[in-house]
């Protein structure tokens, strides 16, 4: 089997912790110039935007020089450019580095901060912040937490080692514990292990349980309860990693996690910059054997869940 030639490195530096976009011109097509192809390929931006980027020299080739709009179409040619990021309200909470060595960085992520760029969250993400703050352009995420979930996230320093750390999560060789605050139901017998089949469809906000062989397993334990508020604090230990698994399982038990905008019902979107009532879910603990160094790691988040420690402030 013939090895695929890797693309050349980006000639453009990161901007606000975000890599330049790389485009490779297809082997076949009706285009006579680079401009014609990019107008079609980036049609969502509008022809005027693409033309303006050519005028500004925003499209560059592998040598870092601007590509002229009338440059002849060349199959297989690489072109780089930076997208204009969406307008984002800054997430006003600190991202705390828990551990750092030459291979990994472990951070304690706040609520509302996405792990990696996606959709309308680009520069206001943990990855972009860390690349800027630590000046490590090659930093990458080994796994992800939902934007609304706080807690521990593992990042890798060296791209060539990222696969080894990602396989830890894929092979379920990472010990993970979460905490949640949810209603207390005295009739709910705990601890218990919840098993179900969860389906998450593209374009649908909420996942759902369906009939079939279970693909999602969660151990649920009650840590403490507050009868005055009707609240419980729960330890959640996932045995699998389905999208929204913990939130789906808690809702199915009749004790949906406080602040959840999707379960049991999808709530109306909140305005940008509304950081009230964060989801009361925290990735509390992360433990694994480092696949590169062999070190045993166990990290614990220092964050607290506001609905438990100061309910009035959280609910205000």
C-alpha atoms as a PDB file:
ATOM      1  CA  UNK A   1       0.000   0.000   0.000  1.00  0.00           C
ATOM      2  CA  UNK A   2       1.405   3.372  -1.020  1.00  0.00           C
ATOM      3  CA  UNK A   3       1.841   5.795   1.863  1.00  0.00           C
ATOM      4  CA  UNK A   4      -0.055   9.039   1.650  1.00  0.00           C
ATOM      5  CA  UNK A   5       2.216  12.085   1.518  1.00  0.00           C
ATOM      6  CA  UNK A   6       1.518  14.321   4.514  1.00  0.00           C
ATOM      7  CA  UNK A   7       0.493  17.903   3.750  1.00  0.00           C
ATOM      8  CA  UNK A   8       3.089  20.638   4.190  1.00  0.00           C
ATOM      9  CA  UNK A   9       3.035  22.589   7.461  1.00  0.00           C
ATOM     10  CA  UNK A  10       0.871  25.657   7.676  1.00  0.00           C
ATOM     11  CA  UNK A  11       2.711  28.800   6.560  1.00  0.00           C
ATOM     12  CA  UNK A  12       0.339  30.910   8.696  1.00  0.00           C
ATOM     13  CA  UNK A  13       0.712  31.217  12.459  1.00  0.00           C
ATOM     14  CA  UNK A  14      -2.245  30.615  14.731  1.00  0.00           C
ATOM     15  CA  UNK A  15      -4.559  33.526  15.357  1.00  0.00           C
ATOM     16  CA  UNK A  16      -6.020  33.761  18.881  1.00  0.00           C
ATOM     17  CA  UNK A  17      -5.084  30.110  19.401  1.00  0.00           C
ATOM     18  CA  UNK A  18      -6.898  28.957  16.239  1.00  0.00           C
ATOM     19  CA  UNK A  19      -5.188  27.192  13.339  1.00  0.00           C
ATOM     20  CA  UNK A  20      -5.485  28.475   9.798  1.00  0.00           C
ATOM     21  CA  UNK A  21      -7.874  26.570   7.530  1.00  0.00           C
ATOM     22  CA  UNK A  22      -6.185  24.333   4.976  1.00  0.00           C
ATOM     23  CA  UNK A  23      -7.831  23.669   1.588  1.00  0.00           C
ATOM     24  CA  UNK A  24      -6.558  21.225  -1.009  1.00  0.00           C
ATOM     25  CA  UNK A  25      -7.748  21.793  -4.556  1.00  0.00           C
ATOM     26  CA  UNK A  26      -9.471  18.676  -5.983  1.00  0.00           C
ATOM     27  CA  UNK A  27      -7.824  16.560  -8.648  1.00  0.00           C
ATOM     28  CA  UNK A  28     -10.626  17.189 -11.132  1.00  0.00           C
ATOM     29  CA  UNK A  29     -12.976  20.074 -11.751  1.00  0.00           C
ATOM     30  CA  UNK A  30     -14.194  22.713 -14.192  1.00  0.00           C
ATOM     31  CA  UNK A  31     -12.329  25.635 -12.614  1.00  0.00           C
ATOM     32  CA  UNK A  32      -9.709  27.586 -14.533  1.00  0.00           C
ATOM     33  CA  UNK A  33      -8.496  29.753 -11.625  1.00  0.00           C
ATOM     34  CA  UNK A  34      -8.077  29.378  -7.879  1.00  0.00           C
ATOM     35  CA  UNK A  35     -10.605  32.184  -7.384  1.00  0.00           C
ATOM     36  CA  UNK A  36     -13.321  30.282  -9.262  1.00  0.00           C
ATOM     37  CA  UNK A  37     -12.887  27.213  -7.091  1.00  0.00           C
ATOM     38  CA  UNK A  38     -12.806  29.082  -3.770  1.00  0.00           C
ATOM     39  CA  UNK A  39     -15.852  31.147  -4.715  1.00  0.00           C
ATOM     40  CA  UNK A  40     -17.741  27.881  -5.162  1.00  0.00           C
ATOM     41  CA  UNK A  41     -16.207  26.089  -2.203  1.00  0.00           C
ATOM     42  CA  UNK A  42     -16.763  28.999   0.181  1.00  0.00           C
ATOM     43  CA  UNK A  43     -20.107  30.001  -1.301  1.00  0.00           C
ATOM     44  CA  UNK A  44     -21.614  30.414   2.143  1.00  0.00           C
ATOM     45  CA  UNK A  45     -19.345  33.407   2.732  1.00  0.00           C
ATOM     46  CA  UNK A  46     -20.442  35.124  -0.482  1.00  0.00           C
ATOM     47  CA  UNK A  47     -18.461  35.956  -3.612  1.00  0.00           C
ATOM     48  CA  UNK A  48     -17.745  39.470  -2.363  1.00  0.00           C
ATOM     49  CA  UNK A  49     -16.108  38.139   0.797  1.00  0.00           C
ATOM     50  CA  UNK A  50     -13.890  35.737  -1.146  1.00  0.00           C
ATOM     51  CA  UNK A  51     -12.892  38.477  -3.604  1.00  0.00           C
ATOM     52  CA  UNK A  52     -12.093  40.793  -0.697  1.00  0.00           C
ATOM     53  CA  UNK A  53      -9.868  38.143   0.870  1.00  0.00           C
ATOM     54  CA  UNK A  54      -7.975  37.775  -2.413  1.00  0.00           C
ATOM     55  CA  UNK A  55      -7.539  41.566  -2.583  1.00  0.00           C
ATOM     56  CA  UNK A  56      -6.210  41.542   0.996  1.00  0.00           C
ATOM     57  CA  UNK A  57      -3.797  38.678   0.316  1.00  0.00           C
ATOM     58  CA  UNK A  58      -5.553  36.452   2.851  1.00  0.00           C
ATOM     59  CA  UNK A  59      -5.147  33.252   0.832  1.00  0.00           C
ATOM     60  CA  UNK A  60      -1.575  31.954   0.866  1.00  0.00           C
ATOM     61  CA  UNK A  61       0.249  29.005  -0.634  1.00  0.00           C
ATOM     62  CA  UNK A  62       2.737  26.619   0.932  1.00  0.00           C
ATOM     63  CA  UNK A  63       5.494  29.230   0.582  1.00  0.00           C
ATOM     64  CA  UNK A  64       3.479  31.721   2.654  1.00  0.00           C
ATOM     65  CA  UNK A  65       3.015  34.106  -0.259  1.00  0.00           C
ATOM     66  CA  UNK A  66      -0.441  35.428  -1.198  1.00  0.00           C
ATOM     67  CA  UNK A  67      -2.190  33.500  -3.945  1.00  0.00           C
ATOM     68  CA  UNK A  68      -3.468  35.724  -6.749  1.00  0.00           C
ATOM     69  CA  UNK A  69      -7.117  35.334  -7.635  1.00  0.00           C
ATOM     70  CA  UNK A  70      -6.254  34.780 -11.304  1.00  0.00           C
ATOM     71  CA  UNK A  71      -3.643  32.136 -10.471  1.00  0.00           C
ATOM     72  CA  UNK A  72      -4.234  29.077 -12.689  1.00  0.00           C
ATOM     73  CA  UNK A  73      -6.100  26.213 -11.050  1.00  0.00           C
ATOM     74  CA  UNK A  74      -3.594  23.548  -9.994  1.00  0.00           C
ATOM     75  CA  UNK A  75      -4.971  20.145  -8.871  1.00  0.00           C
ATOM     76  CA  UNK A  76      -3.652  19.123  -5.463  1.00  0.00           C
ATOM     77  CA  UNK A  77      -2.495  22.629  -4.558  1.00  0.00           C
ATOM     78  CA  UNK A  78      -2.772  23.630  -0.885  1.00  0.00           C
ATOM     79  CA  UNK A  79      -4.171  27.003   0.154  1.00  0.00           C
ATOM     80  CA  UNK A  80      -4.394  28.366   3.719  1.00  0.00           C
ATOM     81  CA  UNK A  81      -6.460  31.180   5.214  1.00  0.00           C
ATOM     82  CA  UNK A  82      -7.962  32.316   8.505  1.00  0.00           C
ATOM     83  CA  UNK A  83     -11.724  32.363   8.969  1.00  0.00           C
ATOM     84  CA  UNK A  84     -13.190  35.385  10.678  1.00  0.00           C
ATOM     85  CA  UNK A  85     -14.366  34.014  14.043  1.00  0.00           C
ATOM     86  CA  UNK A  86     -17.931  34.644  15.173  1.00  0.00           C
ATOM     87  CA  UNK A  87     -18.614  37.388  17.700  1.00  0.00           C
ATOM     88  CA  UNK A  88     -18.382  35.761  21.116  1.00  0.00           C
ATOM     89  CA  UNK A  89     -19.156  36.965  24.613  1.00  0.00           C
ATOM     90  CA  UNK A  90     -16.096  36.244  26.798  1.00  0.00           C
ATOM     91  CA  UNK A  91     -16.638  33.505  29.372  1.00  0.00           C
ATOM     92  CA  UNK A  92     -15.735  35.351  32.597  1.00  0.00           C
ATOM     93  CA  UNK A  93     -14.451  32.378  34.590  1.00  0.00           C
ATOM     94  CA  UNK A  94     -10.854  31.186  35.042  1.00  0.00           C
ATOM     95  CA  UNK A  95      -9.429  28.091  33.407  1.00  0.00           C
ATOM     96  CA  UNK A  96      -7.126  26.543  35.977  1.00  0.00           C
ATOM     97  CA  UNK A  97      -4.091  24.404  35.128  1.00  0.00           C
ATOM     98  CA  UNK A  98      -4.000  21.464  37.547  1.00  0.00           C
ATOM     99  CA  UNK A  99      -0.948  19.683  36.139  1.00  0.00           C
ATOM    100  CA  UNK A 100       1.567  20.181  33.364  1.00  0.00           C
ATOM    101  CA  UNK A 101       4.564  18.262  32.097  1.00  0.00           C
ATOM    102  CA  UNK A 102       6.278  17.827  28.735  1.00  0.00           C
ATOM    103  CA  UNK A 103       3.525  15.484  27.518  1.00  0.00           C
ATOM    104  CA  UNK A 104       0.171  16.581  28.971  1.00  0.00           C
ATOM    105  CA  UNK A 105      -1.722  19.476  30.479  1.00  0.00           C
ATOM    106  CA  UNK A 106      -4.666  18.839  32.801  1.00  0.00           C
ATOM    107  CA  UNK A 107      -7.061  21.723  33.411  1.00  0.00           C
ATOM    108  CA  UNK A 108     -10.089  22.386  35.589  1.00  0.00           C
ATOM    109  CA  UNK A 109     -12.598  23.830  33.111  1.00  0.00           C
ATOM    110  CA  UNK A 110     -15.368  26.207  34.199  1.00  0.00           C
ATOM    111  CA  UNK A 111     -18.988  25.904  33.173  1.00  0.00           C
ATOM    112  CA  UNK A 112     -19.950  27.569  29.854  1.00  0.00           C
ATOM    113  CA  UNK A 113     -16.495  27.203  28.278  1.00  0.00           C
ATOM    114  CA  UNK A 114     -16.389  24.778  25.335  1.00  0.00           C
ATOM    115  CA  UNK A 115     -13.458  22.368  25.211  1.00  0.00           C
ATOM    116  CA  UNK A 116     -12.587  22.791  21.518  1.00  0.00           C
ATOM    117  CA  UNK A 117     -13.724  25.139  18.728  1.00  0.00           C
ATOM    118  CA  UNK A 118     -17.104  24.220  17.293  1.00  0.00           C
ATOM    119  CA  UNK A 119     -20.018  26.146  15.842  1.00  0.00           C
ATOM    120  CA  UNK A 120     -20.358  29.555  17.465  1.00  0.00           C
ATOM    121  CA  UNK A 121     -17.686  28.840  20.089  1.00  0.00           C
ATOM    122  CA  UNK A 122     -14.211  29.328  18.637  1.00  0.00           C
ATOM    123  CA  UNK A 123     -11.875  31.663  20.508  1.00  0.00           C
ATOM    124  CA  UNK A 124     -13.872  31.259  23.736  1.00  0.00           C
ATOM    125  CA  UNK A 125     -12.787  27.654  24.191  1.00  0.00           C
ATOM    126  CA  UNK A 126     -10.410  25.911  26.557  1.00  0.00           C
ATOM    127  CA  UNK A 127      -8.113  24.860  23.719  1.00  0.00           C
ATOM    128  CA  UNK A 128      -7.761  28.356  22.250  1.00  0.00           C
ATOM    129  CA  UNK A 129      -7.226  29.911  25.682  1.00  0.00           C
ATOM    130  CA  UNK A 130      -4.546  27.396  26.635  1.00  0.00           C
ATOM    131  CA  UNK A 131      -2.675  27.752  23.359  1.00  0.00           C
ATOM    132  CA  UNK A 132      -2.524  31.500  23.929  1.00  0.00           C
ATOM    133  CA  UNK A 133      -1.823  31.469  27.661  1.00  0.00           C
ATOM    134  CA  UNK A 134       0.755  28.656  27.636  1.00  0.00           C
ATOM    135  CA  UNK A 135       2.185  29.517  24.208  1.00  0.00           C
ATOM    136  CA  UNK A 136       1.912  25.884  23.080  1.00  0.00           C
ATOM    137  CA  UNK A 137       0.575  25.987  19.534  1.00  0.00           C
ATOM    138  CA  UNK A 138       0.561  22.207  19.096  1.00  0.00           C
ATOM    139  CA  UNK A 139      -1.692  21.611  22.123  1.00  0.00           C
ATOM    140  CA  UNK A 140      -4.628  19.299  21.396  1.00  0.00           C
ATOM    141  CA  UNK A 141      -7.535  17.790  23.337  1.00  0.00           C
ATOM    142  CA  UNK A 142      -7.418  14.102  24.265  1.00  0.00           C
ATOM    143  CA  UNK A 143     -11.168  14.122  25.004  1.00  0.00           C
ATOM    144  CA  UNK A 144     -13.981  16.614  25.489  1.00  0.00           C
ATOM    145  CA  UNK A 145     -16.422  17.825  28.104  1.00  0.00           C
ATOM    146  CA  UNK A 146     -19.734  19.414  27.184  1.00  0.00           C
ATOM    147  CA  UNK A 147     -19.613  23.204  27.224  1.00  0.00           C
ATOM    148  CA  UNK A 148     -22.067  23.280  30.140  1.00  0.00           C
ATOM    149  CA  UNK A 149     -20.139  20.738  32.228  1.00  0.00           C
ATOM    150  CA  UNK A 150     -17.264  21.859  34.453  1.00  0.00           C
ATOM    151  CA  UNK A 151     -14.249  19.875  35.571  1.00  0.00           C
ATOM    152  CA  UNK A 152     -11.132  18.046  34.485  1.00  0.00           C
ATOM    153  CA  UNK A 153      -9.967  17.860  30.859  1.00  0.00           C
ATOM    154  CA  UNK A 154      -6.764  16.307  29.498  1.00  0.00           C
ATOM    155  CA  UNK A 155      -4.780  18.002  26.712  1.00  0.00           C
ATOM    156  CA  UNK A 156      -1.684  16.711  24.937  1.00  0.00           C
ATOM    157  CA  UNK A 157       1.452  18.709  24.152  1.00  0.00           C
ATOM    158  CA  UNK A 158       2.912  16.696  21.259  1.00  0.00           C
ATOM    159  CA  UNK A 159       0.751  15.855  18.228  1.00  0.00           C
ATOM    160  CA  UNK A 160       2.581  12.575  17.642  1.00  0.00           C
ATOM    161  CA  UNK A 161       1.551  11.377  21.133  1.00  0.00           C
ATOM    162  CA  UNK A 162      -2.095  12.477  20.998  1.00  0.00           C
ATOM    163  CA  UNK A 163      -3.356   9.175  19.620  1.00  0.00           C
ATOM    164  CA  UNK A 164      -1.958   7.245  22.581  1.00  0.00           C
ATOM    165  CA  UNK A 165      -3.876   9.399  25.061  1.00  0.00           C
ATOM    166  CA  UNK A 166      -7.053   9.370  22.980  1.00  0.00           C
ATOM    167  CA  UNK A 167      -6.935   5.572  22.951  1.00  0.00           C
ATOM    168  CA  UNK A 168      -7.005   5.591  26.760  1.00  0.00           C
ATOM    169  CA  UNK A 169     -10.499   7.076  26.574  1.00  0.00           C
ATOM    170  CA  UNK A 170     -11.598   4.963  23.598  1.00  0.00           C
ATOM    171  CA  UNK A 171     -10.479   1.786  25.395  1.00  0.00           C
ATOM    172  CA  UNK A 172     -12.070   2.898  28.706  1.00  0.00           C
ATOM    173  CA  UNK A 173      -8.761   2.842  30.554  1.00  0.00           C
ATOM    174  CA  UNK A 174      -9.442   6.164  32.275  1.00  0.00           C
ATOM    175  CA  UNK A 175     -11.122   6.264  35.664  1.00  0.00           C
ATOM    176  CA  UNK A 176     -13.722   9.045  35.662  1.00  0.00           C
ATOM    177  CA  UNK A 177     -15.996  10.264  38.436  1.00  0.00           C
ATOM    178  CA  UNK A 178     -18.552  13.046  38.226  1.00  0.00           C
ATOM    179  CA  UNK A 179     -20.639  14.874  40.791  1.00  0.00           C
ATOM    180  CA  UNK A 180     -24.108  16.264  40.258  1.00  0.00           C
ATOM    181  CA  UNK A 181     -26.751  18.118  42.228  1.00  0.00           C
ATOM    182  CA  UNK A 182     -30.309  17.021  41.516  1.00  0.00           C
ATOM    183  CA  UNK A 183     -33.614  16.574  43.341  1.00  0.00           C
ATOM    184  CA  UNK A 184     -33.669  14.045  46.163  1.00  0.00           C
ATOM    185  CA  UNK A 185     -36.251  11.281  45.820  1.00  0.00           C
ATOM    186  CA  UNK A 186     -36.525   9.077  48.940  1.00  0.00           C
ATOM    187  CA  UNK A 187     -38.215   6.358  46.896  1.00  0.00           C
ATOM    188  CA  UNK A 188     -35.253   6.063  44.543  1.00  0.00           C
ATOM    189  CA  UNK A 189     -33.137   3.081  45.608  1.00  0.00           C
ATOM    190  CA  UNK A 190     -29.433   3.857  45.359  1.00  0.00           C
ATOM    191  CA  UNK A 191     -26.719   2.932  44.618  1.00  0.00           C
ATOM    192  CA  UNK A 192     -27.642   1.375  41.309  1.00  0.00           C
ATOM    193  CA  UNK A 193     -26.217   0.836  37.858  1.00  0.00           C
ATOM    194  CA  UNK A 194     -28.273   2.238  35.009  1.00  0.00           C
ATOM    195  CA  UNK A 195     -28.068   0.519  31.633  1.00  0.00           C
ATOM    196  CA  UNK A 196     -29.866   1.697  28.503  1.00  0.00           C
ATOM    197  CA  UNK A 197     -29.468   2.364  24.803  1.00  0.00           C
ATOM    198  CA  UNK A 198     -28.975   6.062  24.011  1.00  0.00           C
ATOM    199  CA  UNK A 199     -29.441   7.526  20.555  1.00  0.00           C
ATOM    200  CA  UNK A 200     -28.145  10.987  19.619  1.00  0.00           C
ATOM    201  CA  UNK A 201     -29.270  12.120  16.186  1.00  0.00           C
ATOM    202  CA  UNK A 202     -27.403  14.764  14.191  1.00  0.00           C
ATOM    203  CA  UNK A 203     -29.240  18.078  14.291  1.00  0.00           C
ATOM    204  CA  UNK A 204     -31.330  17.118  17.337  1.00  0.00           C
ATOM    205  CA  UNK A 205     -30.301  18.829  20.563  1.00  0.00           C
ATOM    206  CA  UNK A 206     -31.334  16.125  23.031  1.00  0.00           C
ATOM    207  CA  UNK A 207     -30.372  12.473  23.038  1.00  0.00           C
ATOM    208  CA  UNK A 208     -32.992   9.859  23.884  1.00  0.00           C
ATOM    209  CA  UNK A 209     -33.273   6.334  25.193  1.00  0.00           C
ATOM    210  CA  UNK A 210     -34.500   3.718  22.738  1.00  0.00           C
ATOM    211  CA  UNK A 211     -35.159  -0.003  22.801  1.00  0.00           C
ATOM    212  CA  UNK A 212     -32.223  -2.272  22.096  1.00  0.00           C
ATOM    213  CA  UNK A 213     -28.984  -3.549  23.505  1.00  0.00           C
ATOM    214  CA  UNK A 214     -27.569  -1.129  26.106  1.00  0.00           C
ATOM    215  CA  UNK A 215     -24.705   1.072  24.949  1.00  0.00           C
ATOM    216  CA  UNK A 216     -24.637   3.343  28.016  1.00  0.00           C
ATOM    217  CA  UNK A 217     -23.794   2.316  31.600  1.00  0.00           C
ATOM    218  CA  UNK A 218     -23.687   4.619  34.641  1.00  0.00           C
ATOM    219  CA  UNK A 219     -23.206   3.877  38.339  1.00  0.00           C
ATOM    220  CA  UNK A 220     -25.285   6.306  40.434  1.00  0.00           C
ATOM    221  CA  UNK A 221     -24.674   6.842  44.169  1.00  0.00           C
ATOM    222  CA  UNK A 222     -26.113   9.303  46.669  1.00  0.00           C
ATOM    223  CA  UNK A 223     -23.334  11.128  48.524  1.00  0.00           C
ATOM    224  CA  UNK A 224     -25.413  13.464  50.675  1.00  0.00           C
ATOM    225  CA  UNK A 225     -28.851  15.038  50.865  1.00  0.00           C
ATOM    226  CA  UNK A 226     -30.350  18.325  51.980  1.00  0.00           C
ATOM    227  CA  UNK A 227     -33.927  17.778  53.160  1.00  0.00           C
ATOM    228  CA  UNK A 228     -34.453  21.547  53.558  1.00  0.00           C
ATOM    229  CA  UNK A 229     -33.995  22.007  49.807  1.00  0.00           C
ATOM    230  CA  UNK A 230     -35.085  18.595  48.614  1.00  0.00           C
ATOM    231  CA  UNK A 231     -31.681  18.171  46.980  1.00  0.00           C
ATOM    232  CA  UNK A 232     -29.226  15.333  46.679  1.00  0.00           C
ATOM    233  CA  UNK A 233     -25.542  15.298  45.795  1.00  0.00           C
ATOM    234  CA  UNK A 234     -24.675  12.342  43.597  1.00  0.00           C
ATOM    235  CA  UNK A 235     -21.558  10.506  42.479  1.00  0.00           C
ATOM    236  CA  UNK A 236     -21.806   9.351  38.865  1.00  0.00           C
ATOM    237  CA  UNK A 237     -19.348   6.817  37.461  1.00  0.00           C
ATOM    238  CA  UNK A 238     -19.745   6.276  33.711  1.00  0.00           C
ATOM    239  CA  UNK A 239     -18.804   2.912  32.279  1.00  0.00           C
ATOM    240  CA  UNK A 240     -19.309   4.186  28.736  1.00  0.00           C
ATOM    241  CA  UNK A 241     -19.114   7.552  27.012  1.00  0.00           C
ATOM    242  CA  UNK A 242     -22.309   8.237  25.100  1.00  0.00           C
ATOM    243  CA  UNK A 243     -23.251  11.865  24.384  1.00  0.00           C
ATOM    244  CA  UNK A 244     -25.136  13.395  27.355  1.00  0.00           C
ATOM    245  CA  UNK A 245     -25.162   9.966  29.016  1.00  0.00           C
ATOM    246  CA  UNK A 246     -25.128  11.170  32.630  1.00  0.00           C
ATOM    247  CA  UNK A 247     -27.784  13.790  31.977  1.00  0.00           C
ATOM    248  CA  UNK A 248     -30.041  11.299  30.175  1.00  0.00           C
ATOM    249  CA  UNK A 249     -29.713   8.680  32.904  1.00  0.00           C
ATOM    250  CA  UNK A 250     -30.371  11.092  35.766  1.00  0.00           C
ATOM    251  CA  UNK A 251     -33.437  12.423  33.983  1.00  0.00           C
ATOM    252  CA  UNK A 252     -34.678   8.884  33.333  1.00  0.00           C
ATOM    253  CA  UNK A 253     -34.392   8.171  37.080  1.00  0.00           C
ATOM    254  CA  UNK A 254     -36.712  11.114  37.742  1.00  0.00           C
ATOM    255  CA  UNK A 255     -33.984  13.326  39.228  1.00  0.00           C
ATOM    256  CA  UNK A 256     -32.764  15.555  36.378  1.00  0.00           C
ATOM    257  CA  UNK A 257     -29.590  17.508  37.073  1.00  0.00           C
ATOM    258  CA  UNK A 258     -30.254  21.083  38.186  1.00  0.00           C
ATOM    259  CA  UNK A 259     -29.731  23.695  35.483  1.00  0.00           C
ATOM    260  CA  UNK A 260     -30.087  21.216  32.615  1.00  0.00           C
ATOM    261  CA  UNK A 261     -31.593  23.011  29.587  1.00  0.00           C
ATOM    262  CA  UNK A 262     -32.260  19.774  27.658  1.00  0.00           C
ATOM    263  CA  UNK A 263     -33.510  17.129  30.073  1.00  0.00           C
ATOM    264  CA  UNK A 264     -36.259  16.272  30.745  1.00  0.00           C
ATOM    265  CA  UNK A 265     -37.452  19.024  28.343  1.00  0.00           C
ATOM    266  CA  UNK A 266     -35.631  21.306  25.922  1.00  0.00           C
ATOM    267  CA  UNK A 267     -35.804  24.849  27.291  1.00  0.00           C
ATOM    268  CA  UNK A 268     -35.794  28.054  25.271  1.00  0.00           C
ATOM    269  CA  UNK A 269     -32.283  29.326  24.433  1.00  0.00           C
ATOM    270  CA  UNK A 270     -30.828  31.863  26.846  1.00  0.00           C
ATOM    271  CA  UNK A 271     -29.280  35.110  25.598  1.00  0.00           C
ATOM    272  CA  UNK A 272     -25.558  35.159  24.878  1.00  0.00           C
ATOM    273  CA  UNK A 273     -23.699  36.151  28.014  1.00  0.00           C
ATOM    274  CA  UNK A 274     -26.295  34.720  30.412  1.00  0.00           C
ATOM    275  CA  UNK A 275     -24.095  32.724  32.777  1.00  0.00           C
ATOM    276  CA  UNK A 276     -26.726  32.205  35.486  1.00  0.00           C
ATOM    277  CA  UNK A 277     -27.687  28.793  36.848  1.00  0.00           C
ATOM    278  CA  UNK A 278     -24.910  26.634  35.381  1.00  0.00           C
ATOM    279  CA  UNK A 279     -25.575  22.944  34.890  1.00  0.00           C
ATOM    280  CA  UNK A 280     -24.801  21.239  38.192  1.00  0.00           C
ATOM    281  CA  UNK A 281     -22.502  18.611  36.738  1.00  0.00           C
ATOM    282  CA  UNK A 282     -18.784  18.406  37.485  1.00  0.00           C
ATOM    283  CA  UNK A 283     -16.073  16.066  36.185  1.00  0.00           C
ATOM    284  CA  UNK A 284     -14.588  15.577  39.638  1.00  0.00           C
ATOM    285  CA  UNK A 285     -11.873  12.952  39.155  1.00  0.00           C
ATOM    286  CA  UNK A 286      -9.616  11.678  36.382  1.00  0.00           C
ATOM    287  CA  UNK A 287      -7.204   8.742  36.831  1.00  0.00           C
ATOM    288  CA  UNK A 288      -5.037   6.892  34.324  1.00  0.00           C
ATOM    289  CA  UNK A 289      -1.661   5.333  33.641  1.00  0.00           C
ATOM    290  CA  UNK A 290       0.299   7.612  31.334  1.00  0.00           C
ATOM    291  CA  UNK A 291       0.824   5.640  28.087  1.00  0.00           C
ATOM    292  CA  UNK A 292       4.069   7.496  27.341  1.00  0.00           C
ATOM    293  CA  UNK A 293       5.789   7.785  30.744  1.00  0.00           C
ATOM    294  CA  UNK A 294       4.099   4.983  32.673  1.00  0.00           C
ATOM    295  CA  UNK A 295       3.291   7.366  35.548  1.00  0.00           C
ATOM    296  CA  UNK A 296       0.155   6.795  37.594  1.00  0.00           C
ATOM    297  CA  UNK A 297      -1.983   9.938  37.588  1.00  0.00           C
ATOM    298  CA  UNK A 298      -5.009  10.825  39.691  1.00  0.00           C
ATOM    299  CA  UNK A 299      -6.426  14.349  39.549  1.00  0.00           C
ATOM    300  CA  UNK A 300      -9.310  15.909  41.437  1.00  0.00           C
ATOM    301  CA  UNK A 301     -11.208  19.078  40.575  1.00  0.00           C
ATOM    302  CA  UNK A 302     -11.161  21.839  43.158  1.00  0.00           C
ATOM    303  CA  UNK A 303     -14.464  23.313  41.994  1.00  0.00           C
ATOM    304  CA  UNK A 304     -17.738  23.161  43.879  1.00  0.00           C
ATOM    305  CA  UNK A 305     -21.288  23.017  42.596  1.00  0.00           C
ATOM    306  CA  UNK A 306     -23.083  26.250  43.409  1.00  0.00           C
ATOM    307  CA  UNK A 307     -26.539  24.786  43.963  1.00  0.00           C
ATOM    308  CA  UNK A 308     -25.110  22.709  46.797  1.00  0.00           C
ATOM    309  CA  UNK A 309     -22.712  25.163  48.426  1.00  0.00           C
ATOM    310  CA  UNK A 310     -24.816  28.351  47.961  1.00  0.00           C
ATOM    311  CA  UNK A 311     -28.227  27.525  46.558  1.00  0.00           C
ATOM    312  CA  UNK A 312     -29.659  31.041  46.899  1.00  0.00           C
ATOM    313  CA  UNK A 313     -26.809  32.526  44.878  1.00  0.00           C
ATOM    314  CA  UNK A 314     -27.112  29.842  42.208  1.00  0.00           C
ATOM    315  CA  UNK A 315     -30.899  30.235  41.931  1.00  0.00           C
ATOM    316  CA  UNK A 316     -30.898  34.053  41.926  1.00  0.00           C
END
